[in-house]
Every structure is written in structure tokens, then in C-alpha cells.
Amino acid sequence: MEVMVLKWRLLNFLIFCKFMDFQKLWESLLILISSRM
């Protein structure tokens, strides 16, 4: 039971990290595009 909860939290944490990385990537991309215009 506790192992499942631990796995679920780990999964949520990984998804959150990927989402944050994606958000930073997207922001830097927008900055790059706006600086070229």
C-alpha cells in the first residue's frame, strides 16, 4: 500500500518537473522569437 503511494508521488513529481522544464523552454523560445522581430 505505501509503496503504491510512494510510486504515485514520484510519478507526480516527475510530471511536475517535466512540465516546469517545458514551461521554461517555452518562455525562452518566446523571448528568442520576440527579440528577432
Protein backbone atom coordinates (compact mmCIF):
# COMPACT_ATOMS: atom_id res chain seq x y z
CA MET A 1 0.00 0.00 0.00
CA GLU A 2 2.69 2.52 0.99
CA VAL A 3 4.81 1.52 -1.99
CA MET A 4 1.96 2.47 -4.33
CA VAL A 5 1.60 5.86 -2.67
CA LEU A 6 5.34 6.41 -2.96
CA LYS A 7 5.33 5.49 -6.65
CA TRP A 8 2.35 7.78 -7.26
CA ARG A 9 4.10 10.70 -5.56
CA LEU A 10 7.27 10.05 -7.52
CA LEU A 11 5.29 9.98 -10.76
CA ASN A 12 3.57 13.26 -9.91
CA PHE A 13 6.93 14.80 -9.06
CA LEU A 14 8.45 13.70 -12.38
CA ILE A 15 5.47 15.03 -14.34
CA PHE A 16 5.70 18.31 -12.45
CA CYS A 17 9.44 18.59 -13.21
CA LYS A 18 8.87 17.89 -16.89
CA PHE A 19 6.09 20.46 -17.02
CA MET A 20 8.31 23.08 -15.34
CA ASP A 21 11.14 22.33 -17.77
CA PHE A 22 8.73 22.62 -20.68
CA GLN A 23 7.42 25.94 -19.37
CA LYS A 24 10.94 27.36 -19.09
CA LEU A 25 11.76 26.10 -22.58
CA TRP A 26 8.59 27.71 -23.95
CA GLU A 27 9.37 31.03 -22.23
CA SER A 28 12.92 31.11 -23.58
CA LEU A 29 11.59 30.28 -27.04
CA LEU A 30 9.11 33.17 -26.86
CA ILE A 31 11.87 35.53 -25.73
CA LEU A 32 14.04 34.40 -28.63
CA ILE A 33 11.20 34.93 -31.13
CA SER A 34 10.31 38.36 -29.76
CA SER A 35 13.94 39.50 -29.82
CA ARG A 36 14.24 38.59 -33.50
CA MET A 37 11.19 40.61 -34.51
